[in-house]
Amino acid sequence: METSLPSRADDAWQVICLCAAWCGVCREWTPVFDELAATHPQVRFAWVDVEDEADAMGDVDIETFPTLLVAQGDRARFFGPVQPQSGQVARLLDSLLSAPATERAAAPEATGLLARLQSSVLRKR
């Protein structure tokens, strides 16, 4: 599954799902992820296969699928595994979108990954 991303605005929100094609949970998660994208049109969604994009992943090792990287512009706001349940992820996303910028938790360990994905993988889409 690929979700195209238009050119990135400085403060545009992105939800990047880090998964693997061989993962059964990821395959089951695909329609939920598509549903979230449809109900959050103001957010750009992208699906990244961690094995296909090993260079962009760098030293980041994803141990639990699915893992989400939620970013606003070039700043990571959330990075971690999630239960593949629409309601839970929608609440997470809505809470991040509605929180003032100063209250949004940064995910410093995801900063390098986000930069690599934005400069290579997501630019291709």
Protein backbone atom coordinates (compact mmCIF):
# COMPACT_ATOMS: atom_id res chain seq x y z
CA MET A 1 0.00 0.00 0.00
CA GLU A 2 1.28 3.44 -0.83
CA THR A 3 -0.20 6.77 0.10
CA SER A 4 1.12 9.65 -1.94
CA LEU A 5 2.23 12.78 -0.18
CA PRO A 6 2.00 16.19 -1.79
CA SER A 7 4.86 18.58 -1.20
CA ARG A 8 5.38 19.16 2.50
CA ALA A 9 4.41 22.42 4.15
CA ASP A 10 6.50 23.57 7.10
CA ASP A 11 3.83 22.71 9.66
CA ALA A 12 1.93 19.93 7.86
CA TRP A 13 1.03 16.89 9.91
CA GLN A 14 2.14 13.43 8.80
CA VAL A 15 1.40 9.95 10.06
CA ILE A 16 4.00 7.47 8.89
CA CYS A 17 3.27 3.81 9.52
CA LEU A 18 6.38 1.67 9.80
CA CYS A 19 5.50 -1.91 8.96
CA ALA A 20 6.68 -4.95 7.01
CA ALA A 21 4.98 -6.75 4.12
CA TRP A 22 5.47 -10.15 5.77
CA CYS A 23 3.69 -9.06 8.97
CA GLY A 24 0.14 -10.38 9.32
CA VAL A 25 -0.78 -7.66 11.83
CA CYS A 26 0.39 -5.04 9.33
CA ARG A 27 -1.76 -6.54 6.58
CA GLU A 28 -4.78 -6.50 8.89
CA TRP A 29 -3.93 -2.91 9.90
CA THR A 30 -3.95 -1.63 6.30
CA PRO A 31 -7.73 -1.00 6.06
CA VAL A 32 -7.75 0.68 9.50
CA PHE A 33 -4.88 2.93 8.41
CA ASP A 34 -6.76 3.77 5.19
CA GLU A 35 -9.87 4.59 7.25
CA LEU A 36 -7.85 6.92 9.47
CA ALA A 37 -6.47 8.67 6.40
CA ALA A 38 -10.00 9.16 5.06
CA THR A 39 -11.27 10.61 8.36
CA HIS A 40 -8.28 12.94 8.79
CA PRO A 41 -7.94 14.67 5.40
CA GLN A 42 -5.83 17.46 6.91
CA VAL A 43 -3.09 14.93 7.71
CA ARG A 44 -0.78 13.20 5.21
CA PHE A 45 -0.51 9.44 5.69
CA ALA A 46 2.31 7.24 4.40
CA TRP A 47 3.06 3.55 4.66
CA VAL A 48 6.76 2.63 4.85
CA ASP A 49 7.98 -0.96 4.64
CA VAL A 50 10.98 -1.04 6.98
CA GLU A 51 12.71 -3.76 4.97
CA ASP A 52 12.25 -2.04 1.61
CA GLU A 53 13.58 1.20 3.09
CA ALA A 54 16.41 -0.18 5.22
CA ASP A 55 18.78 2.64 4.22
CA ALA A 56 16.36 5.32 5.40
CA MET A 57 15.69 3.40 8.62
CA GLY A 58 19.36 3.67 9.57
CA ASP A 59 20.05 2.28 13.04
CA VAL A 60 16.40 2.46 14.10
CA ASP A 61 15.17 -1.05 14.82
CA ILE A 62 11.39 -1.49 14.81
CA GLU A 63 10.55 -4.38 17.09
CA THR A 64 6.77 -4.07 17.32
CA PHE A 65 4.39 -3.62 14.41
CA PRO A 66 2.70 -1.35 13.66
CA THR A 67 4.84 1.54 14.81
CA LEU A 68 3.76 5.08 14.05
CA LEU A 69 5.83 8.18 13.55
CA VAL A 70 3.59 11.25 13.84
CA ALA A 71 5.22 14.52 12.85
CA GLN A 72 4.36 18.15 12.38
CA GLY A 73 6.62 19.52 9.69
CA ASP A 74 10.11 18.32 10.51
CA ARG A 75 9.43 17.72 14.21
CA ALA A 76 8.48 14.29 15.53
CA ARG A 77 5.55 14.43 17.96
CA PHE A 78 5.03 10.72 18.60
CA PHE A 79 7.08 7.62 17.83
CA GLY A 80 6.13 4.20 19.04
CA PRO A 81 4.11 1.05 18.60
CA VAL A 82 0.32 1.26 18.61
CA GLN A 83 -2.51 -1.21 18.85
CA PRO A 84 -3.97 -1.57 15.36
CA GLN A 85 -7.35 -0.24 16.45
CA SER A 86 -8.94 2.71 14.70
CA GLY A 87 -10.46 4.27 17.83
CA GLN A 88 -7.27 4.18 19.85
CA VAL A 89 -5.10 5.63 17.07
CA ALA A 90 -7.75 8.25 16.22
CA ARG A 91 -7.77 9.41 19.85
CA LEU A 92 -3.97 9.60 19.86
CA LEU A 93 -3.94 11.59 16.63
CA ASP A 94 -6.76 13.90 17.72
CA SER A 95 -5.00 14.61 21.03
CA LEU A 96 -1.77 15.50 19.21
CA LEU A 97 -3.60 17.71 16.70
CA SER A 98 -5.51 19.61 19.37
CA ALA A 99 -2.67 20.13 21.87
CA PRO A 100 -0.80 23.42 21.81
CA ALA A 101 2.65 23.02 20.26
CA THR A 102 4.33 23.51 23.61
CA GLU A 103 2.36 20.60 25.08
CA ARG A 104 3.07 18.11 22.32
CA ALA A 105 5.67 15.61 23.40
CA ALA A 106 8.70 15.55 21.15
CA ALA A 107 10.25 12.23 20.23
CA PRO A 108 13.96 13.05 19.96
CA GLU A 109 14.94 9.49 19.01
CA ALA A 110 12.77 9.82 15.90
CA THR A 111 14.23 13.09 14.61
CA GLY A 112 16.94 11.51 12.44
CA LEU A 113 14.56 8.88 11.11
CA LEU A 114 11.99 11.52 10.18
CA ALA A 115 14.61 13.58 8.35
CA ARG A 116 15.82 10.55 6.38
CA LEU A 117 12.29 9.48 5.47
CA GLN A 118 11.31 12.98 4.39
CA SER A 119 14.43 13.47 2.28
CA SER A 120 14.35 10.13 0.50
CA VAL A 121 11.40 7.78 0.90
CA LEU A 122 8.52 10.25 1.20
CA ARG A 123 9.90 12.57 -1.46
CA LYS A 124 9.62 9.71 -4.02
CA ARG A 125 5.86 9.35 -3.43
